[in-house]
Amino acid sequence: MDTHSTATGNTDSSKSTLGRETFALLESERELQRFVEAWKAGRLPKTEWTHAAHVAMAAYFAFDHAAEATFAIMKAGILHHNTSVGTPNTEDNGYHETLTRFWAGEIGAFIRSGRFNSRLEAVRAAVAAFGGDRDRFRQLYSFDVVRDRRARREWVAPDREPLKT
């Protein structure tokens, strides 16, 4: 997914920096649905589109969509959101194909491997697991994937093996 600083302005991914807006979307099914509808309609404020919000949306759609469908929904939604809030999608800014595909895959696999009783439970679990870990992809790339123009415009597969845990 494309990268932005958190709503608090803190870009240190070693600390959980989930903004107040993100917690609101995790409070109830109603709040989650309100957030999703605002995002889909292009009415979500730019400040609420944090890394954790990206994670929440990917989990929301992965709950009942296959991997490719989740990615396609996220791609279209991010492009629409960026346009709605005035973020240009260029070679150096906005939508990022590799990061969107990476995160849709990571979060989708996590959701599909769990047994969640509800969509809200799945979203909460994904945000807890990935919401404060915006730099996870760096373990798999030997280059600055964020700034790489080719990676922004098309999928670039990881060039490192995942760390064994």
N, C-alpha and C. Protein backbone atom coordinates (compact mmCIF):
# COMPACT_ATOMS: atom_id res chain seq x y z
N MET A 1 0.83 -1.16 0.00
CA MET A 1 0.00 0.00 0.00
C MET A 1 0.88 1.23 0.00
N ASP A 2 0.30 2.31 -0.44
CA ASP A 2 1.16 3.48 -0.47
C ASP A 2 1.47 3.90 0.95
N THR A 3 2.56 4.62 1.12
CA THR A 3 2.99 4.95 2.47
C THR A 3 2.75 6.41 2.76
N HIS A 4 2.33 6.66 3.98
CA HIS A 4 2.12 8.00 4.49
C HIS A 4 2.55 8.00 5.93
N SER A 5 2.89 9.13 6.49
CA SER A 5 3.17 9.19 7.91
C SER A 5 1.87 8.96 8.67
N THR A 6 1.99 8.58 9.91
CA THR A 6 0.81 8.33 10.72
C THR A 6 0.09 9.63 11.02
N ALA A 7 -1.12 9.52 11.52
CA ALA A 7 -1.91 10.72 11.84
C ALA A 7 -1.22 11.56 12.91
N THR A 8 -0.40 10.95 13.75
CA THR A 8 0.28 11.70 14.79
C THR A 8 1.56 12.34 14.27
N GLY A 9 1.95 12.04 13.05
CA GLY A 9 3.15 12.60 12.47
C GLY A 9 4.39 11.79 12.81
N ASN A 10 4.28 10.77 13.62
CA ASN A 10 5.41 9.95 14.02
C ASN A 10 5.66 8.90 12.95
N THR A 11 6.85 8.88 12.40
CA THR A 11 7.17 7.91 11.36
C THR A 11 8.03 6.78 11.88
N ASP A 12 8.24 6.68 13.20
CA ASP A 12 9.02 5.60 13.79
C ASP A 12 8.13 4.37 13.88
N SER A 13 8.42 3.39 13.03
CA SER A 13 7.56 2.21 12.98
C SER A 13 7.86 1.24 14.11
N SER A 14 8.87 1.50 14.94
CA SER A 14 9.17 0.60 16.05
C SER A 14 8.18 0.78 17.19
N LYS A 15 7.40 1.82 17.15
CA LYS A 15 6.39 2.07 18.18
C LYS A 15 5.01 1.97 17.53
N SER A 16 4.06 1.48 18.28
CA SER A 16 2.70 1.45 17.78
C SER A 16 2.15 2.87 17.82
N THR A 17 1.81 3.42 16.67
CA THR A 17 1.36 4.81 16.61
C THR A 17 -0.01 4.89 15.94
N LEU A 18 -0.92 4.06 16.41
CA LEU A 18 -2.24 4.06 15.82
C LEU A 18 -2.99 5.30 16.28
N GLY A 19 -3.49 6.06 15.32
CA GLY A 19 -4.18 7.30 15.63
C GLY A 19 -5.56 7.08 16.22
N ARG A 20 -6.10 8.13 16.79
CA ARG A 20 -7.42 8.08 17.40
C ARG A 20 -8.47 7.65 16.38
N GLU A 21 -8.33 8.11 15.13
CA GLU A 21 -9.29 7.76 14.08
C GLU A 21 -9.31 6.25 13.84
N THR A 22 -8.14 5.63 13.88
CA THR A 22 -8.05 4.19 13.66
C THR A 22 -8.75 3.44 14.78
N PHE A 23 -8.57 3.88 16.01
CA PHE A 23 -9.25 3.22 17.11
C PHE A 23 -10.76 3.35 16.97
N ALA A 24 -11.24 4.47 16.50
CA ALA A 24 -12.68 4.65 16.32
C ALA A 24 -13.23 3.60 15.36
N LEU A 25 -12.52 3.30 14.29
CA LEU A 25 -13.04 2.33 13.34
C LEU A 25 -13.05 0.92 13.92
N LEU A 26 -12.28 0.68 14.96
CA LEU A 26 -12.23 -0.64 15.59
C LEU A 26 -13.24 -0.80 16.74
N GLU A 27 -13.95 0.26 17.07
CA GLU A 27 -14.85 0.23 18.22
C GLU A 27 -16.08 -0.65 18.02
N SER A 28 -16.61 -0.67 16.80
CA SER A 28 -17.84 -1.42 16.56
C SER A 28 -18.01 -1.68 15.06
N GLU A 29 -18.92 -2.59 14.75
CA GLU A 29 -19.24 -2.86 13.34
C GLU A 29 -19.74 -1.58 12.67
N ARG A 30 -20.51 -0.80 13.40
CA ARG A 30 -21.07 0.44 12.86
C ARG A 30 -19.96 1.43 12.51
N GLU A 31 -18.99 1.60 13.41
CA GLU A 31 -17.88 2.53 13.15
C GLU A 31 -17.00 2.03 12.01
N LEU A 32 -16.78 0.73 11.95
CA LEU A 32 -16.00 0.15 10.86
C LEU A 32 -16.71 0.41 9.53
N GLN A 33 -18.00 0.17 9.49
CA GLN A 33 -18.76 0.39 8.25
C GLN A 33 -18.76 1.87 7.86
N ARG A 34 -18.87 2.76 8.84
CA ARG A 34 -18.82 4.20 8.56
C ARG A 34 -17.49 4.56 7.91
N PHE A 35 -16.41 4.02 8.44
CA PHE A 35 -15.08 4.29 7.90
C PHE A 35 -14.96 3.77 6.46
N VAL A 36 -15.40 2.54 6.24
CA VAL A 36 -15.34 1.93 4.90
C VAL A 36 -16.15 2.75 3.91
N GLU A 37 -17.34 3.14 4.27
CA GLU A 37 -18.20 3.91 3.37
C GLU A 37 -17.58 5.28 3.05
N ALA A 38 -17.01 5.93 4.05
CA ALA A 38 -16.36 7.22 3.81
C ALA A 38 -15.18 7.04 2.86
N TRP A 39 -14.39 5.97 3.04
CA TRP A 39 -13.24 5.71 2.17
C TRP A 39 -13.70 5.42 0.74
N LYS A 40 -14.70 4.57 0.60
CA LYS A 40 -15.20 4.22 -0.74
C LYS A 40 -15.78 5.44 -1.46
N ALA A 41 -16.41 6.32 -0.71
CA ALA A 41 -17.06 7.49 -1.31
C ALA A 41 -16.09 8.65 -1.54
N GLY A 42 -14.85 8.50 -1.12
CA GLY A 42 -13.88 9.59 -1.29
C GLY A 42 -14.06 10.71 -0.28
N ARG A 43 -14.70 10.41 0.85
CA ARG A 43 -14.95 11.43 1.88
C ARG A 43 -14.07 11.25 3.12
N LEU A 44 -13.17 10.28 3.11
CA LEU A 44 -12.31 10.06 4.27
C LEU A 44 -11.21 11.12 4.27
N PRO A 45 -11.07 11.85 5.37
CA PRO A 45 -10.01 12.86 5.42
C PRO A 45 -8.63 12.22 5.24
N LYS A 46 -7.76 12.94 4.58
CA LYS A 46 -6.40 12.46 4.31
C LYS A 46 -5.69 12.05 5.60
N THR A 47 -5.91 12.78 6.68
CA THR A 47 -5.24 12.49 7.95
C THR A 47 -5.66 11.15 8.55
N GLU A 48 -6.81 10.63 8.16
CA GLU A 48 -7.26 9.34 8.67
C GLU A 48 -6.76 8.17 7.84
N TRP A 49 -6.11 8.44 6.71
CA TRP A 49 -5.63 7.37 5.83
C TRP A 49 -4.20 6.99 6.23
N THR A 50 -4.08 6.40 7.40
CA THR A 50 -2.80 5.99 7.99
C THR A 50 -2.44 4.58 7.52
N HIS A 51 -1.26 4.13 7.89
CA HIS A 51 -0.88 2.75 7.60
C HIS A 51 -1.88 1.78 8.23
N ALA A 52 -2.25 2.02 9.48
CA ALA A 52 -3.21 1.14 10.15
C ALA A 52 -4.56 1.13 9.42
N ALA A 53 -4.95 2.25 8.86
CA ALA A 53 -6.20 2.30 8.08
C ALA A 53 -6.08 1.46 6.81
N HIS A 54 -4.92 1.51 6.15
CA HIS A 54 -4.68 0.64 5.00
C HIS A 54 -4.84 -0.83 5.41
N VAL A 55 -4.24 -1.17 6.54
CA VAL A 55 -4.31 -2.55 7.05
C VAL A 55 -5.77 -2.93 7.30
N ALA A 56 -6.50 -2.06 7.95
CA ALA A 56 -7.90 -2.33 8.26
C ALA A 56 -8.71 -2.58 7.00
N MET A 57 -8.50 -1.74 5.97
CA MET A 57 -9.26 -1.92 4.74
C MET A 57 -8.88 -3.23 4.03
N ALA A 58 -7.61 -3.55 3.99
CA ALA A 58 -7.19 -4.81 3.37
C ALA A 58 -7.81 -6.00 4.11
N ALA A 59 -7.82 -5.95 5.43
CA ALA A 59 -8.43 -7.04 6.21
C ALA A 59 -9.93 -7.09 5.99
N TYR A 60 -10.56 -5.93 5.94
CA TYR A 60 -12.01 -5.86 5.71
C TYR A 60 -12.38 -6.60 4.42
N PHE A 61 -11.65 -6.34 3.35
CA PHE A 61 -11.97 -6.96 2.07
C PHE A 61 -11.46 -8.39 1.97
N ALA A 62 -10.34 -8.70 2.62
CA ALA A 62 -9.81 -10.07 2.60
C ALA A 62 -10.71 -11.04 3.36
N PHE A 63 -11.54 -10.52 4.25
CA PHE A 63 -12.43 -11.38 5.04
C PHE A 63 -13.32 -12.22 4.15
N ASP A 64 -13.77 -11.66 3.03
CA ASP A 64 -14.65 -12.45 2.16
C ASP A 64 -14.30 -12.35 0.68
N HIS A 65 -13.06 -11.98 0.38
CA HIS A 65 -12.62 -11.94 -1.02
C HIS A 65 -11.31 -12.72 -1.16
N ALA A 66 -11.11 -13.31 -2.31
CA ALA A 66 -9.86 -14.00 -2.63
C ALA A 66 -8.73 -12.97 -2.77
N ALA A 67 -7.51 -13.46 -2.80
CA ALA A 67 -6.32 -12.60 -2.82
C ALA A 67 -6.35 -11.58 -3.96
N GLU A 68 -6.58 -12.01 -5.18
CA GLU A 68 -6.56 -11.09 -6.33
C GLU A 68 -7.69 -10.07 -6.25
N ALA A 69 -8.84 -10.49 -5.78
CA ALA A 69 -9.96 -9.55 -5.64
C ALA A 69 -9.65 -8.51 -4.57
N THR A 70 -9.06 -8.93 -3.45
CA THR A 70 -8.69 -7.99 -2.40
C THR A 70 -7.71 -6.96 -2.94
N PHE A 71 -6.70 -7.44 -3.65
CA PHE A 71 -5.72 -6.52 -4.24
C PHE A 71 -6.41 -5.53 -5.19
N ALA A 72 -7.26 -6.02 -6.06
CA ALA A 72 -7.93 -5.15 -7.04
C ALA A 72 -8.80 -4.10 -6.35
N ILE A 73 -9.50 -4.50 -5.30
CA ILE A 73 -10.33 -3.55 -4.54
C ILE A 73 -9.46 -2.49 -3.88
N MET A 74 -8.37 -2.93 -3.27
CA MET A 74 -7.47 -1.99 -2.61
C MET A 74 -6.84 -1.03 -3.62
N LYS A 75 -6.40 -1.53 -4.74
CA LYS A 75 -5.78 -0.67 -5.75
C LYS A 75 -6.77 0.41 -6.21
N ALA A 76 -7.94 -0.01 -6.60
CA ALA A 76 -8.95 0.95 -7.06
C ALA A 76 -9.31 1.95 -5.96
N GLY A 77 -9.45 1.44 -4.74
CA GLY A 77 -9.82 2.30 -3.62
C GLY A 77 -8.75 3.32 -3.27
N ILE A 78 -7.49 2.89 -3.28
CA ILE A 78 -6.39 3.81 -2.96
C ILE A 78 -6.27 4.88 -4.04
N LEU A 79 -6.35 4.47 -5.29
CA LEU A 79 -6.30 5.45 -6.39
C LEU A 79 -7.42 6.47 -6.25
N HIS A 80 -8.63 5.99 -5.97
CA HIS A 80 -9.78 6.88 -5.81
C HIS A 80 -9.60 7.80 -4.59
N HIS A 81 -9.19 7.23 -3.47
CA HIS A 81 -8.98 8.04 -2.27
C HIS A 81 -7.95 9.13 -2.54
N ASN A 82 -6.82 8.75 -3.13
CA ASN A 82 -5.77 9.74 -3.39
C ASN A 82 -6.29 10.88 -4.25
N THR A 83 -7.02 10.55 -5.30
CA THR A 83 -7.59 11.57 -6.17
C THR A 83 -8.56 12.46 -5.38
N SER A 84 -9.36 11.85 -4.53
CA SER A 84 -10.35 12.60 -3.74
C SER A 84 -9.74 13.59 -2.78
N VAL A 85 -8.57 13.26 -2.24
CA VAL A 85 -7.95 14.15 -1.24
C VAL A 85 -6.82 14.99 -1.83
N GLY A 86 -6.64 14.90 -3.14
CA GLY A 86 -5.64 15.75 -3.79
C GLY A 86 -4.22 15.21 -3.76
N THR A 87 -4.06 13.92 -3.49
CA THR A 87 -2.73 13.32 -3.53
C THR A 87 -2.48 12.84 -4.95
N PRO A 88 -1.50 13.41 -5.63
CA PRO A 88 -1.24 12.96 -7.00
C PRO A 88 -0.65 11.56 -7.03
N ASN A 89 -1.08 10.77 -7.99
CA ASN A 89 -0.52 9.44 -8.22
C ASN A 89 0.48 9.58 -9.35
N THR A 90 1.75 9.72 -8.99
CA THR A 90 2.81 9.97 -9.96
C THR A 90 3.92 8.94 -9.80
N GLU A 91 4.99 9.13 -10.53
CA GLU A 91 6.15 8.24 -10.41
C GLU A 91 6.79 8.30 -9.03
N ASP A 92 6.55 9.37 -8.30
CA ASP A 92 7.22 9.58 -7.03
C ASP A 92 6.28 9.74 -5.83
N ASN A 93 4.99 9.65 -6.03
CA ASN A 93 4.04 9.96 -4.97
C ASN A 93 2.75 9.17 -5.17
N GLY A 94 2.01 8.99 -4.08
CA GLY A 94 0.70 8.37 -4.17
C GLY A 94 0.75 6.86 -4.25
N TYR A 95 -0.12 6.31 -5.10
CA TYR A 95 -0.28 4.86 -5.20
C TYR A 95 1.04 4.15 -5.49
N HIS A 96 1.23 2.99 -4.83
CA HIS A 96 2.45 2.20 -5.00
C HIS A 96 2.05 0.74 -5.25
N GLU A 97 2.23 0.27 -6.46
CA GLU A 97 1.80 -1.07 -6.86
C GLU A 97 2.45 -2.17 -6.01
N THR A 98 3.75 -2.13 -5.85
CA THR A 98 4.43 -3.21 -5.12
C THR A 98 4.00 -3.25 -3.66
N LEU A 99 3.94 -2.11 -3.01
CA LEU A 99 3.54 -2.10 -1.61
C LEU A 99 2.08 -2.51 -1.43
N THR A 100 1.22 -2.09 -2.35
CA THR A 100 -0.18 -2.48 -2.25
C THR A 100 -0.32 -3.99 -2.42
N ARG A 101 0.35 -4.55 -3.40
CA ARG A 101 0.28 -6.00 -3.61
C ARG A 101 0.90 -6.74 -2.43
N PHE A 102 2.05 -6.26 -1.96
CA PHE A 102 2.71 -6.89 -0.81
C PHE A 102 1.77 -6.95 0.39
N TRP A 103 1.23 -5.79 0.77
CA TRP A 103 0.37 -5.74 1.96
C TRP A 103 -0.94 -6.49 1.78
N ALA A 104 -1.52 -6.42 0.60
CA ALA A 104 -2.75 -7.18 0.35
C ALA A 104 -2.47 -8.67 0.52
N GLY A 105 -1.31 -9.13 0.06
CA GLY A 105 -0.93 -10.53 0.21
C GLY A 105 -0.68 -10.92 1.65
N GLU A 106 0.10 -10.11 2.37
CA GLU A 106 0.42 -10.39 3.78
C GLU A 106 -0.85 -10.42 4.63
N ILE A 107 -1.65 -9.39 4.49
CA ILE A 107 -2.86 -9.29 5.32
C ILE A 107 -3.88 -10.33 4.91
N GLY A 108 -4.01 -10.56 3.61
CA GLY A 108 -4.94 -11.59 3.14
C GLY A 108 -4.58 -12.97 3.66
N ALA A 109 -3.30 -13.32 3.61
CA ALA A 109 -2.86 -14.63 4.12
C ALA A 109 -3.15 -14.73 5.62
N PHE A 110 -2.90 -13.66 6.35
CA PHE A 110 -3.18 -13.64 7.78
C PHE A 110 -4.68 -13.86 8.04
N ILE A 111 -5.52 -13.17 7.33
CA ILE A 111 -6.97 -13.30 7.53
C ILE A 111 -7.44 -14.70 7.15
N ARG A 112 -6.97 -15.21 6.03
CA ARG A 112 -7.40 -16.54 5.58
C ARG A 112 -6.87 -17.66 6.48
N SER A 113 -5.79 -17.41 7.22
CA SER A 113 -5.25 -18.45 8.09
C SER A 113 -5.93 -18.47 9.46
N GLY A 114 -6.69 -17.45 9.77
CA GLY A 114 -7.35 -17.36 11.07
C GLY A 114 -8.79 -17.83 11.01
N ARG A 115 -9.35 -17.98 12.17
CA ARG A 115 -10.76 -18.33 12.28
C ARG A 115 -11.44 -17.22 13.06
N PHE A 116 -11.85 -16.24 12.31
CA PHE A 116 -12.45 -15.06 12.93
C PHE A 116 -13.96 -15.19 12.88
N ASN A 117 -14.62 -14.87 13.99
CA ASN A 117 -16.07 -14.98 14.06
C ASN A 117 -16.80 -13.86 13.35
N SER A 118 -16.09 -12.76 13.10
CA SER A 118 -16.72 -11.63 12.42
C SER A 118 -15.67 -10.85 11.65
N ARG A 119 -16.14 -10.04 10.76
CA ARG A 119 -15.25 -9.15 10.01
C ARG A 119 -14.53 -8.19 10.96
N LEU A 120 -15.25 -7.65 11.93
CA LEU A 120 -14.64 -6.73 12.89
C LEU A 120 -13.52 -7.42 13.66
N GLU A 121 -13.72 -8.65 14.09
CA GLU A 121 -12.69 -9.39 14.79
C GLU A 121 -11.45 -9.56 13.90
N ALA A 122 -11.66 -9.86 12.63
CA ALA A 122 -10.55 -10.03 11.68
C ALA A 122 -9.80 -8.72 11.49
N VAL A 123 -10.53 -7.63 11.34
CA VAL A 123 -9.90 -6.31 11.16
C VAL A 123 -9.10 -5.94 12.41
N ARG A 124 -9.68 -6.14 13.58
CA ARG A 124 -8.97 -5.83 14.82
C ARG A 124 -7.67 -6.64 14.92
N ALA A 125 -7.74 -7.92 14.59
CA ALA A 125 -6.55 -8.78 14.67
C ALA A 125 -5.48 -8.34 13.68
N ALA A 126 -5.88 -7.97 12.47
CA ALA A 126 -4.91 -7.53 11.46
C ALA A 126 -4.26 -6.21 11.88
N VAL A 127 -5.04 -5.29 12.40
CA VAL A 127 -4.48 -4.00 12.85
C VAL A 127 -3.53 -4.24 14.02
N ALA A 128 -3.88 -5.15 14.92
CA ALA A 128 -2.99 -5.46 16.05
C ALA A 128 -1.68 -6.08 15.54
N ALA A 129 -1.77 -6.92 14.53
CA ALA A 129 -0.58 -7.62 14.01
C ALA A 129 0.28 -6.73 13.12
N PHE A 130 -0.34 -5.89 12.29
CA PHE A 130 0.40 -5.15 11.26
C PHE A 130 0.30 -3.63 11.34
N GLY A 131 -0.60 -3.11 12.12
CA GLY A 131 -0.85 -1.67 12.15
C GLY A 131 0.33 -0.83 12.58
N GLY A 132 1.18 -1.36 13.42
CA GLY A 132 2.36 -0.63 13.87
C GLY A 132 3.64 -1.08 13.19
N ASP A 133 3.50 -1.88 12.13
CA ASP A 133 4.66 -2.49 11.47
C ASP A 133 4.73 -2.08 10.00
N ARG A 134 4.74 -0.81 9.75
CA ARG A 134 4.68 -0.32 8.37
C ARG A 134 5.91 -0.63 7.54
N ASP A 135 7.02 -1.00 8.18
CA ASP A 135 8.27 -1.28 7.46
C ASP A 135 8.55 -2.76 7.26
N ARG A 136 7.61 -3.61 7.52
CA ARG A 136 7.78 -5.07 7.40
C ARG A 136 8.37 -5.47 6.05
N PHE A 137 7.96 -4.84 4.99
CA PHE A 137 8.41 -5.18 3.64
C PHE A 137 9.92 -5.01 3.47
N ARG A 138 10.53 -4.15 4.27
CA ARG A 138 11.97 -3.88 4.13
C ARG A 138 12.83 -5.12 4.36
N GLN A 139 12.32 -6.08 5.11
CA GLN A 139 13.05 -7.33 5.33
C GLN A 139 13.20 -8.13 4.04
N LEU A 140 12.34 -7.89 3.08
CA LEU A 140 12.30 -8.70 1.86
C LEU A 140 12.90 -8.02 0.63
N TYR A 141 13.29 -6.76 0.77
CA TYR A 141 13.84 -6.01 -0.36
C TYR A 141 15.22 -5.47 0.00
N SER A 142 16.17 -5.63 -0.90
CA SER A 142 17.53 -5.14 -0.67
C SER A 142 17.71 -3.71 -1.14
N PHE A 143 16.68 -3.12 -1.72
CA PHE A 143 16.75 -1.76 -2.24
C PHE A 143 15.60 -0.95 -1.66
N ASP A 144 15.62 0.34 -1.88
CA ASP A 144 14.58 1.23 -1.35
C ASP A 144 13.32 1.11 -2.22
N VAL A 145 12.52 0.13 -1.91
CA VAL A 145 11.32 -0.15 -2.71
C VAL A 145 10.35 1.03 -2.71
N VAL A 146 10.32 1.79 -1.63
CA VAL A 146 9.40 2.92 -1.54
C VAL A 146 9.70 3.95 -2.62
N ARG A 147 10.96 4.25 -2.83
CA ARG A 147 11.34 5.28 -3.79
C ARG A 147 11.61 4.74 -5.20
N ASP A 148 11.59 3.45 -5.37
CA ASP A 148 11.86 2.87 -6.68
C ASP A 148 10.67 3.10 -7.62
N ARG A 149 10.91 3.81 -8.69
CA ARG A 149 9.82 4.16 -9.62
C ARG A 149 9.22 2.93 -10.29
N ARG A 150 10.04 1.98 -10.64
CA ARG A 150 9.51 0.76 -11.27
C ARG A 150 8.59 0.03 -10.28
N ALA A 151 9.01 -0.08 -9.02
CA ALA A 151 8.20 -0.75 -8.00
C ALA A 151 6.90 0.02 -7.73
N ARG A 152 6.93 1.32 -7.88
CA ARG A 152 5.71 2.11 -7.70
C ARG A 152 4.71 1.83 -8.81
N ARG A 153 5.20 1.63 -10.02
CA ARG A 153 4.28 1.49 -11.15
C ARG A 153 3.90 0.04 -11.46
N GLU A 154 4.75 -0.95 -11.05
CA GLU A 154 4.45 -2.35 -11.34
C GLU A 154 4.97 -3.23 -10.21
N TRP A 155 4.42 -4.44 -10.13
CA TRP A 155 4.84 -5.38 -9.09
C TRP A 155 6.30 -5.78 -9.28
N VAL A 156 7.06 -5.65 -8.21
CA VAL A 156 8.44 -6.13 -8.16
C VAL A 156 8.49 -7.13 -7.01
N ALA A 157 8.83 -8.36 -7.33
CA ALA A 157 8.88 -9.41 -6.32
C ALA A 157 10.03 -9.16 -5.35
N PRO A 158 9.88 -9.61 -4.10
CA PRO A 158 10.97 -9.48 -3.13
C PRO A 158 12.24 -10.17 -3.65
N ASP A 159 13.38 -9.61 -3.29
CA ASP A 159 14.66 -10.19 -3.72
C ASP A 159 15.45 -10.76 -2.54
N ARG A 160 14.82 -10.86 -1.39
CA ARG A 160 15.42 -11.50 -0.21
C ARG A 160 14.47 -12.56 0.30
N GLU A 161 15.05 -13.56 0.96
CA GLU A 161 14.25 -14.59 1.62
C GLU A 161 13.69 -14.03 2.93
N PRO A 162 12.47 -14.43 3.29
CA PRO A 162 11.93 -13.97 4.58
C PRO A 162 12.78 -14.49 5.73
N LEU A 163 12.84 -13.72 6.79
CA LEU A 163 13.57 -14.14 7.99
C LEU A 163 12.81 -15.27 8.65
N LYS A 164 13.54 -16.26 9.13
CA LYS A 164 12.92 -17.37 9.88
C LYS A 164 12.63 -16.89 11.29
N THR A 165 11.41 -17.17 11.74
CA THR A 165 11.06 -16.76 13.09
C THR A 165 10.76 -17.95 13.96
